[in-house]
Protein backbone atom coordinates (compact mmCIF):
# COMPACT_ATOMS: atom_id res chain seq x y z
CA UNK A 1 2.64 2.22 9.67
CA UNK A 2 3.21 0.69 6.29
CA UNK A 3 0.34 -1.39 4.91
CA UNK A 4 0.87 -3.53 1.85
CA UNK A 5 0.33 -6.92 0.21
CA UNK A 6 3.43 -9.09 0.50
CA UNK A 7 4.73 -9.00 -3.06
CA UNK A 8 7.57 -11.29 -4.17
CA UNK A 9 8.83 -11.48 -0.57
CA UNK A 10 8.89 -7.72 -0.18
CA UNK A 11 6.79 -4.60 -0.61
CA UNK A 12 5.28 -3.55 -3.92
CA UNK A 13 7.68 -1.49 -6.09
CA UNK A 14 5.86 1.81 -5.53
CA UNK A 15 6.26 1.49 -1.75
CA UNK A 16 9.96 0.68 -2.22
CA UNK A 17 10.32 3.82 -4.33
CA UNK A 18 8.56 5.86 -1.64
CA UNK A 19 10.96 4.48 0.99
CA UNK A 20 13.93 5.34 -1.24
CA UNK A 21 12.63 8.88 -1.84
CA UNK A 22 11.62 9.68 1.75
CA UNK A 23 14.15 7.89 3.96
CA UNK A 24 17.08 10.00 2.87
CA UNK A 25 20.53 10.58 4.34
CA UNK A 26 20.54 13.65 6.55
CA UNK A 27 16.82 13.40 7.19
CA UNK A 28 15.99 9.81 8.20
CA UNK A 29 19.53 8.58 8.94
CA UNK A 30 23.12 9.73 9.05
CA UNK A 31 24.84 12.20 11.35
CA UNK A 32 21.92 14.66 11.32
CA UNK A 33 19.18 12.30 10.16
CA UNK A 34 17.08 12.02 13.26
CA UNK A 35 13.60 13.09 12.15
CA UNK A 36 12.06 9.68 12.87
CA UNK A 37 14.03 8.71 15.97
CA UNK A 38 11.87 7.16 18.68
CA UNK A 39 8.75 6.84 16.53
CA UNK A 40 7.04 3.48 16.05
CA UNK A 41 7.58 1.54 12.84
CA UNK A 42 4.80 -0.94 12.14
CA UNK A 43 3.84 -3.16 9.24
CA UNK A 44 0.44 -4.46 8.21
CA UNK A 45 0.94 -7.18 5.61
CA UNK A 46 -1.40 -9.49 3.74
CA UNK A 47 -0.45 -12.71 1.95
CA UNK A 48 -2.23 -14.92 -0.50
CA UNK A 49 -0.82 -18.11 0.99
CA UNK A 50 -1.91 -19.69 4.28
CA UNK A 51 0.15 -19.20 7.43
CA UNK A 52 1.60 -22.73 7.17
CA UNK A 53 3.39 -21.69 3.96
CA UNK A 54 5.44 -19.14 5.93
CA UNK A 55 7.50 -21.31 8.25
CA UNK A 56 10.57 -23.53 8.14
CA UNK A 57 9.63 -26.49 5.97
CA UNK A 58 6.63 -24.69 4.52
CA UNK A 59 6.23 -23.81 0.87
CA UNK A 60 8.07 -20.49 1.28
CA UNK A 61 10.73 -21.99 3.61
CA UNK A 62 10.88 -18.97 5.94
CA UNK A 63 8.69 -17.38 8.60
CA UNK A 64 7.17 -13.96 8.07
CA UNK A 65 9.39 -12.68 10.86
CA UNK A 66 12.44 -13.77 8.86
CA UNK A 67 11.12 -12.40 5.57
CA UNK A 68 10.31 -9.03 7.14
CA UNK A 69 13.84 -8.60 8.59
CA UNK A 70 14.84 -6.02 5.92
CA UNK A 71 12.08 -3.75 7.23
CA UNK A 72 13.33 -4.25 10.78
CA UNK A 73 16.86 -3.40 9.61
CA UNK A 74 15.49 -0.22 8.01
CA UNK A 75 13.76 0.62 11.27
CA UNK A 76 17.03 0.17 13.14
CA UNK A 77 18.89 2.41 10.68
CA UNK A 78 16.39 5.26 10.95
CA UNK A 79 16.12 5.01 14.74
CA UNK A 80 12.50 3.92 14.98
CA UNK A 81 11.02 1.31 17.31
CA UNK A 82 10.03 -1.77 15.30
CA UNK A 83 6.89 -3.29 16.73
CA UNK A 84 5.39 -6.70 15.93
CA UNK A 85 3.71 -6.77 12.53
CA UNK A 86 0.05 -7.38 11.78
CA UNK A 87 -0.04 -10.19 9.22
CA UNK A 88 -3.15 -11.56 7.56
CA UNK A 89 -2.52 -14.79 5.70
CA UNK A 90 -4.55 -16.50 3.00
CA UNK A 91 -6.65 -13.53 2.00
CA UNK A 92 -7.97 -15.30 -1.10
CA UNK A 93 -9.65 -17.97 1.01
CA UNK A 94 -11.20 -15.82 3.77
CA UNK A 95 -14.94 -16.03 4.32
CA UNK A 96 -16.96 -12.86 4.90
CA UNK A 97 -17.06 -13.73 8.60
CA UNK A 98 -13.28 -14.22 8.79
CA UNK A 99 -12.72 -10.99 6.88
CA UNK A 100 -14.97 -9.10 9.28
CA UNK A 101 -13.24 -10.62 12.31
CA UNK A 102 -9.81 -9.70 10.93
CA UNK A 103 -10.96 -6.18 10.07
CA UNK A 104 -11.80 -5.77 13.77
CA UNK A 105 -8.42 -7.24 14.78
CA UNK A 106 -6.68 -4.82 12.43
CA UNK A 107 -8.60 -1.83 13.78
CA UNK A 108 -7.61 -2.86 17.33
CA UNK A 109 -3.97 -3.20 16.20
CA UNK A 110 -3.95 0.25 14.59
CA UNK A 111 -5.44 1.86 17.66
CA UNK A 112 -3.06 0.05 20.05
CA UNK A 113 -0.18 -1.56 18.13
CA UNK A 114 2.00 -2.34 21.13
């Protein structure tokens, strides 16, 4: 599972570097790159904007599903099973109660992502 704040419509640069360094030809993909085949590939993403901003016609013009497609394509390339992402929107505006509720939802997701 990759957990990160959604940063300029992608992952933070350090996570991108990690992906570049770890998901190498011959290990993660290519003719002998099968080390991750069949494993689950999951994302846990937080955004600063509300959910309404991430849809057609919203401020960001695209849904989170659309914006996360590069990660799904990576999952396809390395032979993993891409499962639905855990997305928490509007983190800057969450109350303590909402944060607590979403922490429980996230724990449930981690323990049983599919």
